[in-house]
Amino acid sequence: MRVFVAGGAGVVGRRLVPQLVARGHQVTATTTSAAKLGLLEQLGASGVVMDGLDAVSVGEAVAEARPDVIVHQMTAIAPKPDMKHPDRWFATTNRLRTEGTDHLLAAAEASGISHFVAQSYASWNGIREGGWVKTEEDPLDPGATSARKGAEAIRHVEDVVVKAGGAVLRYGWFYGPGATDDLVEPVRKRQFPLVGGGTGYTSWVHLDDAASATVLAVEQQARGVFNIVDDEPAPVSEWLPYLAACAGAKRPMRVPEWLARPLAGEWAVTMMTEGRGFSNAKARRELGWRLRYPSWRQGFKEELA
């Protein structure tokens, strides 16, 4: 197929494009920077500069590529974390998940493209009631006050893409090439403490597994919502000390909730004490997805060996 990957130079795109090419697909991948066109060509794609927030730019890029399917991987997360103000941290990504999604869907309709696959998120943000592990049938959390816009942006992606007959892939928390260092560095510096009892759950996914699930969604013209996470959702109290040990770091400090709230913010405390994990049963069953890294335990150890 001819596959249009919007955001092909991002952390997922860099793992996804080679997998699509290896399966024989013709890939057009976008970037916002002409300096990254060479990278996309090295990955095997035809690179194009596109502004995902500009409807004209999106429309022209899609029309020229004439793809059979569009894969929306556009994000723009600021490199410096701002846990106290997540909506500020994810401001441009929130726009790409709302305005950018709308532009891509409009371009798909204008060009007669019948299939669409989009990135969503599934790690800690399941509804904070009932069990600790959620399926696609459970609602997402409306978001802490400081992350309300982010939660609304995710709901927008899911609503409009499913309505258009596409597939939404709720990726877990990424680790792997291009993602692990940003996570490990604060752990090594003991800047990532265990808040309260660390009872909140997290779902992880290695970037290569996220990419392989996306290839399956493209090839099978999947429809609906899928949780793309590993087999082992786990509380912070389990994975954070294990990650520190794999990284050769000291055991994380423990900080009570009352102290963490003014220091790290409401969103971080909620995530680490009340967050929910997700089940991948639907993706394994309906897509035939098989993970290279079924557990973060194996993945962390190999990535940090």
C-alpha atoms as a PDB file:
ATOM      1  CA  MET A   1       0.000   0.000   0.000  1.00  0.00           C
ATOM      2  CA  ARG A   2       0.912   3.655  -0.213  1.00  0.00           C
ATOM      3  CA  VAL A   3       1.146   4.796   3.413  1.00  0.00           C
ATOM      4  CA  PHE A   4       1.264   8.443   4.512  1.00  0.00           C
ATOM      5  CA  VAL A   5       2.887   8.783   7.949  1.00  0.00           C
ATOM      6  CA  ALA A   6       2.243  12.230   9.413  1.00  0.00           C
ATOM      7  CA  GLY A   7       5.013  12.775  11.944  1.00  0.00           C
ATOM      8  CA  GLY A   8       7.356  10.208  10.453  1.00  0.00           C
ATOM      9  CA  ALA A   9      10.463  11.710  12.068  1.00  0.00           C
ATOM     10  CA  GLY A  10       9.111  11.347  15.614  1.00  0.00           C
ATOM     11  CA  VAL A  11      10.030   8.620  18.100  1.00  0.00           C
ATOM     12  CA  VAL A  12       7.311   6.257  16.838  1.00  0.00           C
ATOM     13  CA  GLY A  13       7.733   7.228  13.208  1.00  0.00           C
ATOM     14  CA  ARG A  14      11.431   6.376  13.233  1.00  0.00           C
ATOM     15  CA  ARG A  15      10.584   2.799  14.258  1.00  0.00           C
ATOM     16  CA  LEU A  16       7.393   2.559  12.182  1.00  0.00           C
ATOM     17  CA  VAL A  17       8.679   3.691   8.772  1.00  0.00           C
ATOM     18  CA  PRO A  18      11.368   0.960   8.463  1.00  0.00           C
ATOM     19  CA  GLN A  19       8.858  -1.715   9.473  1.00  0.00           C
ATOM     20  CA  LEU A  20       6.382  -0.544   6.820  1.00  0.00           C
ATOM     21  CA  VAL A  21       9.128  -0.422   4.184  1.00  0.00           C
ATOM     22  CA  ALA A  22      10.321  -3.915   5.140  1.00  0.00           C
ATOM     23  CA  ARG A  23       6.769  -5.183   4.551  1.00  0.00           C
ATOM     24  CA  GLY A  24       6.835  -3.801   1.015  1.00  0.00           C
ATOM     25  CA  HIS A  25       4.775  -0.644   1.505  1.00  0.00           C
ATOM     26  CA  GLN A  26       5.545   2.645  -0.225  1.00  0.00           C
ATOM     27  CA  VAL A  27       5.865   5.285   2.501  1.00  0.00           C
ATOM     28  CA  THR A  28       5.596   9.057   2.413  1.00  0.00           C
ATOM     29  CA  ALA A  29       6.604  10.510   5.789  1.00  0.00           C
ATOM     30  CA  THR A  30       6.325  14.087   6.990  1.00  0.00           C
ATOM     31  CA  THR A  31       8.449  16.322   9.148  1.00  0.00           C
ATOM     32  CA  THR A  32       8.217  19.972  10.129  1.00  0.00           C
ATOM     33  CA  SER A  33      11.934  20.468   9.458  1.00  0.00           C
ATOM     34  CA  ALA A  34      13.720  20.249   6.126  1.00  0.00           C
ATOM     35  CA  ALA A  35      16.824  19.199   8.071  1.00  0.00           C
ATOM     36  CA  LYS A  36      15.149  15.842   8.801  1.00  0.00           C
ATOM     37  CA  LEU A  37      14.323  14.963   5.195  1.00  0.00           C
ATOM     38  CA  GLY A  38      17.618  13.096   4.891  1.00  0.00           C
ATOM     39  CA  LEU A  39      16.729  10.983   7.934  1.00  0.00           C
ATOM     40  CA  LEU A  40      13.397  10.002   6.400  1.00  0.00           C
ATOM     41  CA  GLU A  41      15.110   9.001   3.174  1.00  0.00           C
ATOM     42  CA  GLN A  42      17.582   6.860   5.149  1.00  0.00           C
ATOM     43  CA  LEU A  43      14.592   5.111   6.761  1.00  0.00           C
ATOM     44  CA  GLY A  44      13.267   4.301   3.297  1.00  0.00           C
ATOM     45  CA  ALA A  45      10.520   6.903   2.952  1.00  0.00           C
ATOM     46  CA  SER A  46       9.861   9.794   0.630  1.00  0.00           C
ATOM     47  CA  GLY A  47      10.146  12.777   2.942  1.00  0.00           C
ATOM     48  CA  VAL A  48       8.006  15.900   2.778  1.00  0.00           C
ATOM     49  CA  VAL A  49       7.890  19.038   4.917  1.00  0.00           C
ATOM     50  CA  MET A  50       4.389  19.627   6.300  1.00  0.00           C
ATOM     51  CA  ASP A  51       2.856  21.852   8.958  1.00  0.00           C
ATOM     52  CA  GLY A  52       0.199  19.774  10.650  1.00  0.00           C
ATOM     53  CA  LEU A  53      -1.528  22.894  11.974  1.00  0.00           C
ATOM     54  CA  ASP A  54      -1.914  24.407   8.496  1.00  0.00           C
ATOM     55  CA  ALA A  55      -4.862  22.987   6.552  1.00  0.00           C
ATOM     56  CA  VAL A  56      -3.418  24.014   3.191  1.00  0.00           C
ATOM     57  CA  SER A  57      -0.048  22.423   3.935  1.00  0.00           C
ATOM     58  CA  VAL A  58      -1.724  19.186   5.015  1.00  0.00           C
ATOM     59  CA  GLY A  59      -4.084  19.109   2.060  1.00  0.00           C
ATOM     60  CA  GLU A  60      -1.300  19.633  -0.471  1.00  0.00           C
ATOM     61  CA  ALA A  61       0.988  17.012   1.084  1.00  0.00           C
ATOM     62  CA  VAL A  62      -1.735  14.361   1.182  1.00  0.00           C
ATOM     63  CA  ALA A  63      -2.993  15.113  -2.337  1.00  0.00           C
ATOM     64  CA  GLU A  64       0.518  14.844  -3.780  1.00  0.00           C
ATOM     65  CA  ALA A  65       1.267  11.560  -1.990  1.00  0.00           C
ATOM     66  CA  ARG A  66      -2.051   9.904  -3.051  1.00  0.00           C
ATOM     67  CA  PRO A  67      -1.908   7.375  -0.198  1.00  0.00           C
ATOM     68  CA  ASP A  68      -4.203   4.450   0.522  1.00  0.00           C
ATOM     69  CA  VAL A  69      -4.009   5.097   4.259  1.00  0.00           C
ATOM     70  CA  ILE A  70      -3.006   7.955   6.573  1.00  0.00           C
ATOM     71  CA  VAL A  71      -1.204   7.263   9.866  1.00  0.00           C
ATOM     72  CA  HIS A  72      -1.351  10.188  12.314  1.00  0.00           C
ATOM     73  CA  GLN A  73       1.728  10.218  14.565  1.00  0.00           C
ATOM     74  CA  MET A  74       2.094  13.989  14.979  1.00  0.00           C
ATOM     75  CA  THR A  75       3.181  15.232  18.401  1.00  0.00           C
ATOM     76  CA  ALA A  76       5.331  18.131  19.595  1.00  0.00           C
ATOM     77  CA  ILE A  77       6.083  17.570  23.259  1.00  0.00           C
ATOM     78  CA  ALA A  78       8.356  20.226  24.752  1.00  0.00           C
ATOM     79  CA  PRO A  79      11.748  18.669  25.672  1.00  0.00           C
ATOM     80  CA  LYS A  80      11.744  20.081  29.213  1.00  0.00           C
ATOM     81  CA  PRO A  81       9.092  18.349  31.351  1.00  0.00           C
ATOM     82  CA  ASP A  82       6.589  20.509  33.218  1.00  0.00           C
ATOM     83  CA  MET A  83       4.677  18.120  35.456  1.00  0.00           C
ATOM     84  CA  LYS A  84       2.997  20.976  37.335  1.00  0.00           C
ATOM     85  CA  HIS A  85       1.550  22.390  34.117  1.00  0.00           C
ATOM     86  CA  PRO A  86       0.936  19.452  31.735  1.00  0.00           C
ATOM     87  CA  ASP A  87      -1.423  21.395  29.482  1.00  0.00           C
ATOM     88  CA  ARG A  88       1.342  23.942  28.966  1.00  0.00           C
ATOM     89  CA  TRP A  89       3.868  21.144  28.400  1.00  0.00           C
ATOM     90  CA  PHE A  90       1.616  19.425  25.822  1.00  0.00           C
ATOM     91  CA  ALA A  91       0.093  22.590  24.334  1.00  0.00           C
ATOM     92  CA  THR A  92       1.198  22.041  20.730  1.00  0.00           C
ATOM     93  CA  THR A  93       0.518  18.309  20.896  1.00  0.00           C
ATOM     94  CA  ASN A  94      -3.007  19.072  22.096  1.00  0.00           C
ATOM     95  CA  ARG A  95      -3.488  21.266  19.027  1.00  0.00           C
ATOM     96  CA  LEU A  96      -2.110  18.542  16.756  1.00  0.00           C
ATOM     97  CA  ARG A  97      -4.589  16.104  18.305  1.00  0.00           C
ATOM     98  CA  THR A  98      -7.481  18.467  17.639  1.00  0.00           C
ATOM     99  CA  GLU A  99      -6.754  20.824  14.736  1.00  0.00           C
ATOM    100  CA  GLY A 100      -4.145  18.525  13.181  1.00  0.00           C
ATOM    101  CA  THR A 101      -6.475  15.521  13.277  1.00  0.00           C
ATOM    102  CA  ASP A 102      -9.251  17.551  11.675  1.00  0.00           C
ATOM    103  CA  HIS A 103      -6.918  18.745   8.899  1.00  0.00           C
ATOM    104  CA  LEU A 104      -5.772  15.196   8.143  1.00  0.00           C
ATOM    105  CA  LEU A 105      -9.326  13.844   8.107  1.00  0.00           C
ATOM    106  CA  ALA A 106     -10.434  16.650   5.783  1.00  0.00           C
ATOM    107  CA  ALA A 107      -7.529  15.886   3.461  1.00  0.00           C
ATOM    108  CA  ALA A 108      -8.409  12.188   3.552  1.00  0.00           C
ATOM    109  CA  GLU A 109     -11.991  12.933   2.594  1.00  0.00           C
ATOM    110  CA  ALA A 110     -10.925  15.317  -0.191  1.00  0.00           C
ATOM    111  CA  SER A 111      -8.589  12.704  -1.663  1.00  0.00           C
ATOM    112  CA  GLY A 112     -10.953   9.757  -1.236  1.00  0.00           C
ATOM    113  CA  ILE A 113      -8.769   7.970   1.330  1.00  0.00           C
ATOM    114  CA  SER A 114     -10.844   5.402   3.140  1.00  0.00           C
ATOM    115  CA  HIS A 115      -8.590   4.365   6.004  1.00  0.00           C
ATOM    116  CA  PHE A 116      -7.048   6.318   8.863  1.00  0.00           C
ATOM    117  CA  VAL A 117      -4.959   5.249  11.878  1.00  0.00           C
ATOM    118  CA  ALA A 118      -4.265   7.659  14.735  1.00  0.00           C
ATOM    119  CA  GLN A 119      -2.169   7.769  17.885  1.00  0.00           C
ATOM    120  CA  SER A 120      -3.843   8.045  21.287  1.00  0.00           C
ATOM    121  CA  TYR A 121      -2.680   7.294  24.831  1.00  0.00           C
ATOM    122  CA  ALA A 122      -3.281   4.629  27.476  1.00  0.00           C
ATOM    123  CA  SER A 123      -1.175   4.748  30.608  1.00  0.00           C
ATOM    124  CA  TRP A 124      -2.561   5.835  34.001  1.00  0.00           C
ATOM    125  CA  ASN A 125      -5.479   7.720  32.374  1.00  0.00           C
ATOM    126  CA  GLY A 126      -8.236   5.170  32.720  1.00  0.00           C
ATOM    127  CA  ILE A 127     -11.262   6.187  34.761  1.00  0.00           C
ATOM    128  CA  ARG A 128     -10.227   6.325  38.433  1.00  0.00           C
ATOM    129  CA  GLU A 129     -12.880   4.031  39.838  1.00  0.00           C
ATOM    130  CA  GLY A 130     -13.295   0.276  39.987  1.00  0.00           C
ATOM    131  CA  GLY A 131     -10.414  -2.024  39.104  1.00  0.00           C
ATOM    132  CA  TRP A 132      -6.835  -1.040  38.362  1.00  0.00           C
ATOM    133  CA  VAL A 133      -6.736  -2.374  34.775  1.00  0.00           C
ATOM    134  CA  LYS A 134      -9.085  -1.028  32.095  1.00  0.00           C
ATOM    135  CA  THR A 135     -10.275  -2.265  28.691  1.00  0.00           C
ATOM    136  CA  GLU A 136     -11.366  -0.306  25.625  1.00  0.00           C
ATOM    137  CA  GLU A 137     -14.919  -0.429  26.979  1.00  0.00           C
ATOM    138  CA  ASP A 138     -14.000   1.626  30.047  1.00  0.00           C
ATOM    139  CA  PRO A 139     -14.067   5.430  29.759  1.00  0.00           C
ATOM    140  CA  LEU A 140     -10.916   7.501  30.004  1.00  0.00           C
ATOM    141  CA  ASP A 141     -10.434   9.778  32.985  1.00  0.00           C
ATOM    142  CA  PRO A 142     -11.669  13.352  32.414  1.00  0.00           C
ATOM    143  CA  GLY A 143      -8.260  14.573  33.555  1.00  0.00           C
ATOM    144  CA  ALA A 144      -6.918  16.399  36.567  1.00  0.00           C
ATOM    145  CA  THR A 145      -7.604  20.125  36.505  1.00  0.00           C
ATOM    146  CA  SER A 146      -4.109  20.881  35.217  1.00  0.00           C
ATOM    147  CA  ALA A 147      -4.427  18.277  32.422  1.00  0.00           C
ATOM    148  CA  ARG A 148      -7.995  18.892  31.336  1.00  0.00           C
ATOM    149  CA  LYS A 149      -7.113  20.158  27.849  1.00  0.00           C
ATOM    150  CA  GLY A 150      -4.912  17.140  27.218  1.00  0.00           C
ATOM    151  CA  ALA A 151      -7.713  14.766  28.165  1.00  0.00           C
ATOM    152  CA  GLU A 152     -10.126  16.664  25.912  1.00  0.00           C
ATOM    153  CA  ALA A 153      -7.663  16.494  23.008  1.00  0.00           C
ATOM    154  CA  ILE A 154      -7.339  12.705  23.377  1.00  0.00           C
ATOM    155  CA  ARG A 155     -11.118  12.332  23.444  1.00  0.00           C
ATOM    156  CA  HIS A 156     -11.358  14.448  20.293  1.00  0.00           C
ATOM    157  CA  VAL A 157      -8.929  12.211  18.395  1.00  0.00           C
ATOM    158  CA  GLU A 158     -10.787   9.104  19.426  1.00  0.00           C
ATOM    159  CA  ASP A 159     -14.270  10.457  18.714  1.00  0.00           C
ATOM    160  CA  VAL A 160     -13.621  11.845  15.233  1.00  0.00           C
ATOM    161  CA  VAL A 161     -11.380   9.022  14.014  1.00  0.00           C
ATOM    162  CA  VAL A 162     -13.752   6.257  15.134  1.00  0.00           C
ATOM    163  CA  LYS A 163     -16.670   8.184  13.611  1.00  0.00           C
ATOM    164  CA  ALA A 164     -14.721   8.321  10.321  1.00  0.00           C
ATOM    165  CA  GLY A 165     -14.277   4.539  10.402  1.00  0.00           C
ATOM    166  CA  GLY A 166     -10.616   4.565  11.383  1.00  0.00           C
ATOM    167  CA  ALA A 167      -8.498   2.969  14.083  1.00  0.00           C
ATOM    168  CA  VAL A 168      -7.259   4.629  17.271  1.00  0.00           C
ATOM    169  CA  LEU A 169      -4.180   3.116  18.899  1.00  0.00           C
ATOM    170  CA  ARG A 170      -3.853   3.952  22.579  1.00  0.00           C
ATOM    171  CA  TYR A 171      -0.120   3.570  23.120  1.00  0.00           C
ATOM    172  CA  GLY A 172       1.231   3.020  26.615  1.00  0.00           C
ATOM    173  CA  TRP A 173       4.150   4.961  28.078  1.00  0.00           C
ATOM    174  CA  PHE A 174       6.971   4.665  25.549  1.00  0.00           C
ATOM    175  CA  TYR A 175      10.455   3.376  26.174  1.00  0.00           C
ATOM    176  CA  GLY A 176      13.129   2.355  23.703  1.00  0.00           C
ATOM    177  CA  PRO A 177      15.466   4.217  21.308  1.00  0.00           C
ATOM    178  CA  GLY A 178      14.909   7.950  21.593  1.00  0.00           C
ATOM    179  CA  ALA A 179      12.624   7.636  24.611  1.00  0.00           C
ATOM    180  CA  THR A 180      14.466   5.765  27.366  1.00  0.00           C
ATOM    181  CA  ASP A 181      17.119   8.400  28.089  1.00  0.00           C
ATOM    182  CA  ASP A 182      14.533  11.078  28.899  1.00  0.00           C
ATOM    183  CA  LEU A 183      13.033   8.716  31.449  1.00  0.00           C
ATOM    184  CA  VAL A 184      16.226   7.335  32.966  1.00  0.00           C
ATOM    185  CA  GLU A 185      18.153  10.581  33.424  1.00  0.00           C
ATOM    186  CA  PRO A 186      15.900  12.003  36.184  1.00  0.00           C
ATOM    187  CA  VAL A 187      15.842   8.561  37.860  1.00  0.00           C
ATOM    188  CA  ARG A 188      19.641   8.517  37.975  1.00  0.00           C
ATOM    189  CA  LYS A 189      19.650  12.029  39.418  1.00  0.00           C
ATOM    190  CA  ARG A 190      17.037  10.962  42.007  1.00  0.00           C
ATOM    191  CA  GLN A 191      14.652  13.570  40.608  1.00  0.00           C
ATOM    192  CA  PHE A 192      11.871  11.007  40.098  1.00  0.00           C
ATOM    193  CA  PRO A 193      10.657  10.111  43.615  1.00  0.00           C
ATOM    194  CA  LEU A 194       8.077   7.546  44.633  1.00  0.00           C
ATOM    195  CA  VAL A 195       4.997   9.515  45.684  1.00  0.00           C
ATOM    196  CA  GLY A 196       2.952   8.153  48.549  1.00  0.00           C
ATOM    197  CA  GLY A 197       2.549   4.407  48.296  1.00  0.00           C
ATOM    198  CA  GLY A 198       3.169   4.422  44.528  1.00  0.00           C
ATOM    199  CA  THR A 199      -0.170   2.654  44.106  1.00  0.00           C
ATOM    200  CA  GLY A 200      -1.017   4.191  40.731  1.00  0.00           C
ATOM    201  CA  TYR A 201      -0.720   1.828  37.758  1.00  0.00           C
ATOM    202  CA  THR A 202       1.236   2.415  34.544  1.00  0.00           C
ATOM    203  CA  SER A 203       1.079   0.605  31.217  1.00  0.00           C
ATOM    204  CA  TRP A 204       4.259   0.513  29.133  1.00  0.00           C
ATOM    205  CA  VAL A 205       5.066  -0.307  25.512  1.00  0.00           C
ATOM    206  CA  HIS A 206       8.393  -0.572  23.713  1.00  0.00           C
ATOM    207  CA  LEU A 207       8.568   1.608  20.600  1.00  0.00           C
ATOM    208  CA  ASP A 208       9.211  -1.413  18.360  1.00  0.00           C
ATOM    209  CA  ASP A 209       6.075  -3.103  19.673  1.00  0.00           C
ATOM    210  CA  ALA A 210       4.054   0.089  19.195  1.00  0.00           C
ATOM    211  CA  ALA A 211       5.284   0.208  15.599  1.00  0.00           C
ATOM    212  CA  SER A 212       4.479  -3.446  14.898  1.00  0.00           C
ATOM    213  CA  ALA A 213       0.917  -2.991  16.188  1.00  0.00           C
ATOM    214  CA  THR A 214       0.544   0.023  13.910  1.00  0.00           C
ATOM    215  CA  VAL A 215       1.670  -1.984  10.888  1.00  0.00           C
ATOM    216  CA  LEU A 216      -1.002  -4.568  11.684  1.00  0.00           C
ATOM    217  CA  ALA A 217      -3.682  -1.869  12.032  1.00  0.00           C
ATOM    218  CA  VAL A 218      -2.661  -0.479   8.626  1.00  0.00           C
ATOM    219  CA  GLU A 219      -2.572  -3.818   6.822  1.00  0.00           C
ATOM    220  CA  GLN A 220      -5.801  -5.125   8.331  1.00  0.00           C
ATOM    221  CA  GLN A 221      -7.651  -1.820   7.891  1.00  0.00           C
ATOM    222  CA  ALA A 222      -8.586  -2.055  11.552  1.00  0.00           C
ATOM    223  CA  ARG A 223     -11.421  -0.002  12.966  1.00  0.00           C
ATOM    224  CA  GLY A 224     -12.170   1.120  16.507  1.00  0.00           C
ATOM    225  CA  VAL A 225     -10.030   1.618  19.610  1.00  0.00           C
ATOM    226  CA  PHE A 226      -7.136  -0.619  20.658  1.00  0.00           C
ATOM    227  CA  ASN A 227      -4.950  -0.495  23.776  1.00  0.00           C
ATOM    228  CA  ILE A 228      -1.350  -0.933  22.577  1.00  0.00           C
ATOM    229  CA  VAL A 229       0.389  -1.777  25.843  1.00  0.00           C
ATOM    230  CA  ASP A 230       2.473  -4.647  27.164  1.00  0.00           C
ATOM    231  CA  ASP A 231       1.196  -7.627  29.147  1.00  0.00           C
ATOM    232  CA  GLU A 232       2.054  -6.290  32.592  1.00  0.00           C
ATOM    233  CA  PRO A 233       0.378  -3.118  33.847  1.00  0.00           C
ATOM    234  CA  ALA A 234       2.049  -2.416  37.174  1.00  0.00           C
ATOM    235  CA  PRO A 235       2.017   0.015  40.096  1.00  0.00           C
ATOM    236  CA  VAL A 236       4.719   2.656  40.316  1.00  0.00           C
ATOM    237  CA  SER A 237       5.973   0.996  43.503  1.00  0.00           C
ATOM    238  CA  GLU A 238       7.067  -1.998  41.372  1.00  0.00           C
ATOM    239  CA  TRP A 239       8.413  -0.543  38.146  1.00  0.00           C
ATOM    240  CA  LEU A 240      10.195   2.568  39.443  1.00  0.00           C
ATOM    241  CA  PRO A 241      12.622   0.789  41.833  1.00  0.00           C
ATOM    242  CA  TYR A 242      13.206  -1.868  39.150  1.00  0.00           C
ATOM    243  CA  LEU A 243      14.009   0.803  36.563  1.00  0.00           C
ATOM    244  CA  ALA A 244      16.418   2.470  38.982  1.00  0.00           C
ATOM    245  CA  ALA A 245      18.167  -0.851  39.603  1.00  0.00           C
ATOM    246  CA  CYS A 246      18.490  -1.530  35.860  1.00  0.00           C
ATOM    247  CA  ALA A 247      19.937   1.955  35.397  1.00  0.00           C
ATOM    248  CA  GLY A 248      22.477   1.452  38.189  1.00  0.00           C
ATOM    249  CA  ALA A 249      20.851   4.232  40.203  1.00  0.00           C
ATOM    250  CA  LYS A 250      20.088   4.499  43.889  1.00  0.00           C
ATOM    251  CA  ARG A 251      16.637   3.476  45.061  1.00  0.00           C
ATOM    252  CA  PRO A 252      14.160   6.332  44.458  1.00  0.00           C
ATOM    253  CA  MET A 253      13.315   8.552  47.390  1.00  0.00           C
ATOM    254  CA  ARG A 254       9.808   8.376  48.815  1.00  0.00           C
ATOM    255  CA  VAL A 255       7.848  11.634  49.131  1.00  0.00           C
ATOM    256  CA  PRO A 256       4.481  11.947  50.903  1.00  0.00           C
ATOM    257  CA  GLU A 257       1.525  13.144  48.839  1.00  0.00           C
ATOM    258  CA  TRP A 258       1.103  16.357  50.802  1.00  0.00           C
ATOM    259  CA  LEU A 259       4.690  17.377  50.009  1.00  0.00           C
ATOM    260  CA  ALA A 260       4.675  16.191  46.387  1.00  0.00           C
ATOM    261  CA  ARG A 261       1.528  18.124  45.495  1.00  0.00           C
ATOM    262  CA  PRO A 262       3.049  21.653  45.719  1.00  0.00           C
ATOM    263  CA  LEU A 263       6.406  20.430  44.350  1.00  0.00           C
ATOM    264  CA  ALA A 264       5.319  18.211  41.436  1.00  0.00           C
ATOM    265  CA  GLY A 265       1.708  19.234  40.927  1.00  0.00           C
ATOM    266  CA  GLU A 266      -1.696  17.602  41.063  1.00  0.00           C
ATOM    267  CA  TRP A 267      -1.273  15.676  37.813  1.00  0.00           C
ATOM    268  CA  ALA A 268       1.917  13.906  38.889  1.00  0.00           C
ATOM    269  CA  VAL A 269       0.482  12.932  42.277  1.00  0.00           C
ATOM    270  CA  THR A 270      -2.701  11.597  40.686  1.00  0.00           C
ATOM    271  CA  MET A 271      -0.722   9.595  38.138  1.00  0.00           C
ATOM    272  CA  MET A 272       1.522   8.012  40.767  1.00  0.00           C
ATOM    273  CA  THR A 273      -1.156   7.215  43.331  1.00  0.00           C
ATOM    274  CA  GLU A 274      -4.438   6.698  41.439  1.00  0.00           C
ATOM    275  CA  GLY A 275      -3.520   6.035  37.781  1.00  0.00           C
ATOM    276  CA  ARG A 276      -5.005   3.019  36.006  1.00  0.00           C
ATOM    277  CA  GLY A 277      -3.374   0.518  33.692  1.00  0.00           C
ATOM    278  CA  PHE A 278      -4.790  -1.052  30.533  1.00  0.00           C
ATOM    279  CA  SER A 279      -5.358  -4.504  29.048  1.00  0.00           C
ATOM    280  CA  ASN A 280      -4.021  -5.422  25.589  1.00  0.00           C
ATOM    281  CA  ALA A 281      -6.321  -8.443  25.164  1.00  0.00           C
ATOM    282  CA  LYS A 282      -8.312  -6.891  22.297  1.00  0.00           C
ATOM    283  CA  ALA A 283      -5.223  -5.998  20.248  1.00  0.00           C
ATOM    284  CA  ARG A 284      -3.740  -9.448  20.738  1.00  0.00           C
ATOM    285  CA  ARG A 285      -7.021 -11.116  19.822  1.00  0.00           C
ATOM    286  CA  GLU A 286      -8.234  -8.985  16.906  1.00  0.00           C
ATOM    287  CA  LEU A 287      -4.949  -7.830  15.362  1.00  0.00           C
ATOM    288  CA  GLY A 288      -2.952 -10.969  16.122  1.00  0.00           C
ATOM    289  CA  TRP A 289      -0.369  -8.733  17.771  1.00  0.00           C
ATOM    290  CA  ARG A 290       2.636 -10.481  19.301  1.00  0.00           C
ATOM    291  CA  LEU A 291       4.995  -8.443  21.455  1.00  0.00           C
ATOM    292  CA  ARG A 292       8.753  -8.624  21.287  1.00  0.00           C
ATOM    293  CA  TYR A 293       8.810  -7.165  24.818  1.00  0.00           C
ATOM    294  CA  PRO A 294       5.764  -8.573  26.653  1.00  0.00           C
ATOM    295  CA  SER A 295       6.944  -7.056  29.947  1.00  0.00           C
ATOM    296  CA  TRP A 296       8.702  -3.838  30.886  1.00  0.00           C
ATOM    297  CA  ARG A 297      10.891  -6.010  33.136  1.00  0.00           C
ATOM    298  CA  GLN A 298      12.524  -7.631  30.124  1.00  0.00           C
ATOM    299  CA  GLY A 299      12.522  -4.406  28.121  1.00  0.00           C
ATOM    300  CA  PHE A 300      14.096  -2.193  30.784  1.00  0.00           C
ATOM    301  CA  LYS A 301      16.830  -4.756  31.399  1.00  0.00           C
ATOM    302  CA  GLU A 302      17.696  -5.082  27.707  1.00  0.00           C
ATOM    303  CA  GLU A 303      17.534  -1.346  26.973  1.00  0.00           C
ATOM    304  CA  LEU A 304      19.793  -0.500  29.906  1.00  0.00           C
ATOM    305  CA  ALA A 305      22.206  -3.437  29.643  1.00  0.00           C
END
